[in-house]
Amino acid sequence: MEIFDLFERAKHLIRLYGFFPKKRLGQNFTINSEILDRLISYASLTKNDVVLEVGAGFGFLTQLLSSKCKKVIALEIDPQLVDFLSKQFSHLQNIELIQGDILKVTVPNFNKVVSAPPYSISSPLLFRLLKSSFDCAVLILQKEFAERLAASVGSKNYGRLTVTIHYWADVELLDCVSRNMFYPPPDVDSMILRLKPRAPPFNVNDEETFFEIVRSLFTQRNKKLRNAVIPFLYKRKIEKKEAMELADSLIYSSKRVRELTPEDFGILTNELLRKLKL
């Protein structure tokens, strides 16, 4: 499939079926065959792999995946596209087409994800995927969002999302993708990334408290820890004087929140749990 062919085919299908790309569903279809080939290459697919694709669109990637793996689970929320895809792939036995929202439906087991999902669900999609067991995910996501996932400590993109994802997985940023590689083109450029789940690289004694602390502190990312942690302590019904003393006694108390590494947040969580006797 040539780049021009995919672009023309997308426009032809839109005219043929009277289909109008829906902005509310984030429908920007990948029309660059080289990008699709790269996605597949980065996933190192074999004939034993079961691949999840979120947002099948016109099925350009779906068809390529079906020739490389054991099975494709193609998820599409738009009933008009599902109707088209069911006819388009009726002859391919290794494509399972599911109509629905990835954040709501039950998905069969898979071991890899290869997809260009709607930007609007990027964050909840990652957390949904990380609740599953799989080997790797190769995704096209909004460039700014992707950079937040792999941001360095202290940088402007470093934040709650960076720390949270780091706890569950390794992230590799692979290629920038121009907005012109989609039809209709989105307002921003994109990035191909690879996500590999793994065991947490450090220990926390209570994951729920860890994520609560990360969430709370990054609402005040530029403050020193001793000041940023006070609202968290107040929520725990700690009186002002005791909260101030406890905040001053904490490890990293003079560091700014944005300067703390993910591991630092783990150490801080365990210290707070110990001092609060939680």
Protein backbone atom coordinates (compact mmCIF):
# COMPACT_ATOMS: atom_id res chain seq x y z
CA MET A 1 0.00 0.00 0.00
CA GLU A 2 1.49 3.32 -1.05
CA ILE A 3 0.95 6.55 0.89
CA PHE A 4 -1.06 8.06 -1.96
CA ASP A 5 -3.14 4.91 -2.27
CA LEU A 6 -4.20 5.02 1.41
CA PHE A 7 -5.09 8.68 1.22
CA GLU A 8 -7.13 8.20 -1.93
CA ARG A 9 -8.72 5.05 -0.52
CA ALA A 10 -9.76 6.86 2.66
CA LYS A 11 -11.34 9.67 0.63
CA HIS A 12 -13.02 7.13 -1.67
CA LEU A 13 -14.52 5.22 1.27
CA ILE A 14 -15.74 8.45 2.86
CA ARG A 15 -17.50 9.39 -0.39
CA LEU A 16 -18.77 5.88 -1.10
CA TYR A 17 -20.36 5.33 2.31
CA GLY A 18 -21.35 8.92 3.04
CA PHE A 19 -19.14 8.76 6.07
CA PHE A 20 -18.14 11.92 7.93
CA PRO A 21 -15.17 11.68 10.35
CA LYS A 22 -16.46 12.46 13.84
CA LYS A 23 -14.34 14.84 15.86
CA ARG A 24 -15.99 13.76 19.12
CA LEU A 25 -14.67 10.21 18.50
CA GLY A 26 -11.20 11.45 17.59
CA GLN A 27 -11.43 10.01 14.08
CA ASN A 28 -8.17 10.89 12.35
CA PHE A 29 -7.26 7.99 10.09
CA THR A 30 -3.63 7.00 9.51
CA ILE A 31 -2.97 7.27 5.75
CA ASN A 32 0.76 6.61 5.66
CA SER A 33 1.72 3.01 4.95
CA GLU A 34 5.30 3.56 6.15
CA ILE A 35 4.01 4.58 9.58
CA LEU A 36 1.82 1.48 9.74
CA ASP A 37 4.78 -0.72 8.77
CA ARG A 38 6.88 0.89 11.51
CA LEU A 39 4.21 0.19 14.12
CA ILE A 40 4.22 -3.46 13.18
CA SER A 41 8.01 -3.66 13.06
CA TYR A 42 8.40 -2.13 16.54
CA ALA A 43 6.02 -4.74 17.95
CA SER A 44 8.21 -7.63 16.63
CA LEU A 45 5.13 -9.65 15.74
CA THR A 46 5.16 -13.42 15.30
CA LYS A 47 2.54 -15.91 14.21
CA ASN A 48 1.91 -16.72 17.88
CA ASP A 49 0.83 -13.20 18.84
CA VAL A 50 -2.72 -12.08 19.60
CA VAL A 51 -2.86 -8.34 18.93
CA LEU A 52 -5.33 -5.77 20.23
CA GLU A 53 -6.04 -2.79 17.99
CA VAL A 54 -8.02 0.07 19.55
CA GLY A 55 -9.84 2.15 16.95
CA ALA A 56 -9.75 0.06 13.77
CA GLY A 57 -11.05 2.87 11.55
CA PHE A 58 -11.04 1.80 7.91
CA GLY A 59 -8.99 -1.29 8.75
CA PHE A 60 -5.75 -0.33 7.00
CA LEU A 61 -3.65 -1.38 10.01
CA THR A 62 -6.02 -4.26 10.84
CA GLN A 63 -5.40 -5.91 7.48
CA LEU A 64 -1.63 -5.60 7.78
CA LEU A 65 -1.70 -7.01 11.31
CA SER A 66 -3.77 -10.02 10.25
CA SER A 67 -1.01 -11.11 7.88
CA LYS A 68 1.64 -10.94 10.62
CA CYS A 69 0.07 -12.50 13.70
CA LYS A 70 -2.15 -15.31 14.91
CA LYS A 71 -5.18 -13.14 15.63
CA VAL A 72 -6.27 -9.49 15.64
CA ILE A 73 -8.84 -8.23 18.13
CA ALA A 74 -10.05 -5.08 16.39
CA LEU A 75 -12.07 -2.73 18.56
CA GLU A 76 -14.14 0.04 16.98
CA ILE A 77 -16.74 2.23 18.66
CA ASP A 78 -18.39 3.62 15.51
CA PRO A 79 -21.23 1.32 14.35
CA GLN A 80 -21.00 2.63 10.78
CA LEU A 81 -17.34 1.61 10.58
CA VAL A 82 -18.03 -1.71 12.28
CA ASP A 83 -20.60 -2.50 9.61
CA PHE A 84 -18.07 -1.65 6.89
CA LEU A 85 -15.27 -3.66 8.55
CA SER A 86 -17.44 -6.75 9.08
CA LYS A 87 -18.05 -6.90 5.32
CA GLN A 88 -14.49 -5.93 4.42
CA PHE A 89 -12.94 -8.70 6.54
CA SER A 90 -15.59 -11.41 6.28
CA HIS A 91 -13.06 -13.63 4.48
CA LEU A 92 -10.34 -13.27 7.15
CA GLN A 93 -10.81 -15.78 9.93
CA ASN A 94 -8.15 -14.36 12.27
CA ILE A 95 -9.83 -10.96 12.79
CA GLU A 96 -12.26 -10.64 15.70
CA LEU A 97 -14.21 -7.42 15.36
CA ILE A 98 -15.72 -5.92 18.51
CA GLN A 99 -17.98 -2.88 18.58
CA GLY A 100 -17.63 -0.87 21.75
CA ASP A 101 -15.66 1.45 23.98
CA ILE A 102 -12.33 0.01 25.15
CA LEU A 103 -12.93 1.66 28.53
CA LYS A 104 -16.19 -0.24 29.01
CA VAL A 105 -16.18 -3.55 27.11
CA THR A 106 -14.61 -6.85 28.10
CA VAL A 107 -11.78 -7.73 25.73
CA PRO A 108 -10.49 -11.28 25.07
CA ASN A 109 -6.93 -12.09 26.10
CA PHE A 110 -4.14 -10.53 24.03
CA ASN A 111 -0.38 -10.34 24.41
CA LYS A 112 0.44 -7.27 22.29
CA VAL A 113 -1.19 -3.96 21.43
CA VAL A 114 -0.59 -2.15 18.13
CA SER A 115 -2.78 0.87 17.64
CA ALA A 116 -3.33 4.54 16.81
CA PRO A 117 -6.11 5.19 19.34
CA PRO A 118 -8.13 8.42 19.69
CA TYR A 119 -6.07 11.02 21.55
CA SER A 120 -8.97 11.81 23.89
CA ILE A 121 -8.71 8.43 25.65
CA SER A 122 -4.90 8.24 25.88
CA SER A 123 -4.60 8.44 29.67
CA PRO A 124 -7.52 6.17 30.66
CA LEU A 125 -6.54 3.75 27.88
CA LEU A 126 -3.03 3.31 29.29
CA PHE A 127 -4.36 2.66 32.79
CA ARG A 128 -6.93 0.24 31.36
CA LEU A 129 -4.22 -1.63 29.47
CA LEU A 130 -1.89 -1.76 32.47
CA LYS A 131 -4.56 -3.64 34.39
CA SER A 132 -4.18 -6.41 31.79
CA SER A 133 -1.33 -8.83 31.23
CA PHE A 134 0.54 -8.25 27.97
CA ASP A 135 4.08 -8.15 26.57
CA CYS A 136 4.22 -4.76 24.88
CA ALA A 137 2.15 -2.00 23.33
CA VAL A 138 3.22 0.07 20.33
CA LEU A 139 1.04 3.14 20.06
CA ILE A 140 0.72 6.44 18.21
CA LEU A 141 -0.18 9.11 20.75
CA GLN A 142 -0.20 12.87 20.83
CA LYS A 143 3.43 14.06 20.93
CA GLU A 144 3.05 16.23 24.03
CA PHE A 145 1.29 13.43 25.91
CA ALA A 146 3.95 10.88 24.89
CA GLU A 147 6.70 13.22 26.09
CA ARG A 148 4.99 13.49 29.47
CA LEU A 149 5.17 9.70 29.82
CA ALA A 150 8.95 9.63 29.43
CA ALA A 151 9.86 13.07 30.81
CA SER A 152 13.06 13.57 32.77
CA VAL A 153 12.88 14.59 36.43
CA GLY A 154 12.44 18.34 36.83
CA SER A 155 11.48 19.04 33.22
CA LYS A 156 8.31 20.92 32.32
CA ASN A 157 6.64 17.68 31.13
CA TYR A 158 7.53 15.74 34.29
CA GLY A 159 4.51 15.12 36.46
CA ARG A 160 2.00 12.76 37.98
CA LEU A 161 1.58 10.81 34.74
CA THR A 162 5.35 10.27 34.42
CA VAL A 163 5.70 8.89 37.93
CA THR A 164 2.57 6.74 37.76
CA ILE A 165 3.41 5.10 34.43
CA HIS A 166 7.06 4.61 35.49
CA TYR A 167 5.80 2.57 38.42
CA TRP A 168 4.14 0.06 36.07
CA ALA A 169 6.10 0.07 32.80
CA ASP A 170 9.10 1.13 30.72
CA VAL A 171 8.38 3.69 28.00
CA GLU A 172 10.43 4.22 24.83
CA LEU A 173 9.79 7.17 22.51
CA LEU A 174 10.53 5.95 18.99
CA ASP A 175 9.47 8.25 16.14
CA CYS A 176 7.79 11.59 15.62
CA VAL A 177 4.77 11.47 13.31
CA SER A 178 3.61 14.55 11.42
CA ARG A 179 -0.05 15.54 11.64
CA ASN A 180 -0.05 15.30 7.82
CA MET A 181 0.15 11.51 8.10
CA PHE A 182 -3.55 11.48 9.08
CA TYR A 183 -6.83 12.29 7.40
CA PRO A 184 -8.32 14.57 8.42
CA PRO A 185 -5.12 15.95 9.98
CA PRO A 186 -5.30 16.57 13.75
CA ASP A 187 -4.19 19.86 15.28
CA VAL A 188 -0.99 18.40 16.74
CA ASP A 189 1.87 16.08 15.82
CA SER A 190 2.16 12.57 17.20
CA MET A 191 4.74 10.12 18.51
CA ILE A 192 5.22 6.38 18.21
CA LEU A 193 6.09 4.85 21.56
CA ARG A 194 6.59 1.37 22.99
CA LEU A 195 5.27 0.46 26.42
CA LYS A 196 6.56 -2.64 28.21
CA PRO A 197 4.89 -3.63 31.48
CA ARG A 198 7.14 -4.84 34.31
CA ALA A 199 7.18 -5.24 38.06
CA PRO A 200 7.48 -1.95 40.01
CA PRO A 201 11.17 -0.94 40.26
CA PHE A 202 10.85 0.08 43.91
CA ASN A 203 8.76 -0.96 46.87
CA VAL A 204 5.87 0.96 48.39
CA ASN A 205 4.01 -0.35 51.42
CA ASP A 206 0.63 0.89 50.19
CA GLU A 207 0.06 1.58 46.50
CA GLU A 208 -3.18 3.49 47.05
CA THR A 209 -1.44 5.93 49.39
CA PHE A 210 1.52 6.21 46.99
CA PHE A 211 -0.71 7.26 44.08
CA GLU A 212 -2.67 9.62 46.35
CA ILE A 213 0.53 11.34 47.46
CA VAL A 214 1.81 11.65 43.89
CA ARG A 215 -1.52 13.10 42.77
CA SER A 216 -1.69 15.54 45.69
CA LEU A 217 1.89 16.79 45.50
CA PHE A 218 1.89 17.43 41.76
CA THR A 219 -0.95 19.91 42.15
CA GLN A 220 1.83 22.06 43.66
CA ARG A 221 4.78 20.86 41.63
CA ASN A 222 6.88 24.01 42.07
CA LYS A 223 6.55 24.21 45.85
CA LYS A 224 8.99 22.72 48.32
CA LEU A 225 7.84 19.40 49.69
CA ARG A 226 7.37 20.75 53.22
CA ASN A 227 4.71 23.15 51.88
CA ALA A 228 3.20 20.92 49.20
CA VAL A 229 2.50 18.03 51.58
CA ILE A 230 0.42 20.11 54.03
CA PRO A 231 -2.92 19.67 52.14
CA PHE A 232 -2.37 15.89 52.12
CA LEU A 233 -1.80 15.94 55.88
CA TYR A 234 -4.87 18.10 56.47
CA LYS A 235 -6.95 15.53 54.58
CA ARG A 236 -5.65 12.99 57.09
CA LYS A 237 -7.10 15.14 59.92
CA ILE A 238 -3.68 16.27 61.12
CA GLU A 239 -3.85 19.55 63.06
CA LYS A 240 -1.93 22.55 61.70
CA LYS A 241 0.92 22.59 64.27
CA GLU A 242 1.52 18.85 64.04
CA ALA A 243 1.27 18.95 60.24
CA MET A 244 3.92 21.69 60.02
CA GLU A 245 6.28 19.79 62.31
CA LEU A 246 5.75 16.55 60.42
CA ALA A 247 6.28 18.26 57.06
CA ASP A 248 9.57 19.76 58.25
CA SER A 249 10.76 16.37 59.51
CA LEU A 250 10.24 14.56 56.21
CA ILE A 251 13.02 13.39 53.96
CA TYR A 252 13.37 15.69 50.91
CA SER A 253 11.43 18.41 52.79
CA SER A 254 13.48 21.19 51.17
CA LYS A 255 13.29 19.75 47.65
CA ARG A 256 10.70 20.98 45.18
CA VAL A 257 8.09 18.44 44.14
CA ARG A 258 9.24 18.46 40.51
CA GLU A 259 12.76 17.49 41.66
CA LEU A 260 11.67 14.21 43.28
CA THR A 261 12.34 11.03 41.32
CA PRO A 262 9.68 8.29 41.16
CA GLU A 263 11.78 6.32 43.65
CA ASP A 264 11.83 9.38 45.96
CA PHE A 265 8.04 9.36 45.99
CA GLY A 266 8.17 5.71 47.04
CA ILE A 267 10.58 6.43 49.89
CA LEU A 268 8.48 9.42 50.96
CA THR A 269 5.29 7.33 50.94
CA ASN A 270 6.81 4.67 53.18
CA GLU A 271 8.11 7.32 55.60
CA LEU A 272 4.70 8.99 55.81
CA LEU A 273 2.97 5.65 56.32
CA ARG A 274 5.36 4.91 59.19
CA LYS A 275 5.02 8.32 60.84
CA LEU A 276 1.26 8.42 60.45
CA LYS A 277 1.04 4.79 61.51
CA LEU A 278 -1.19 3.99 58.54
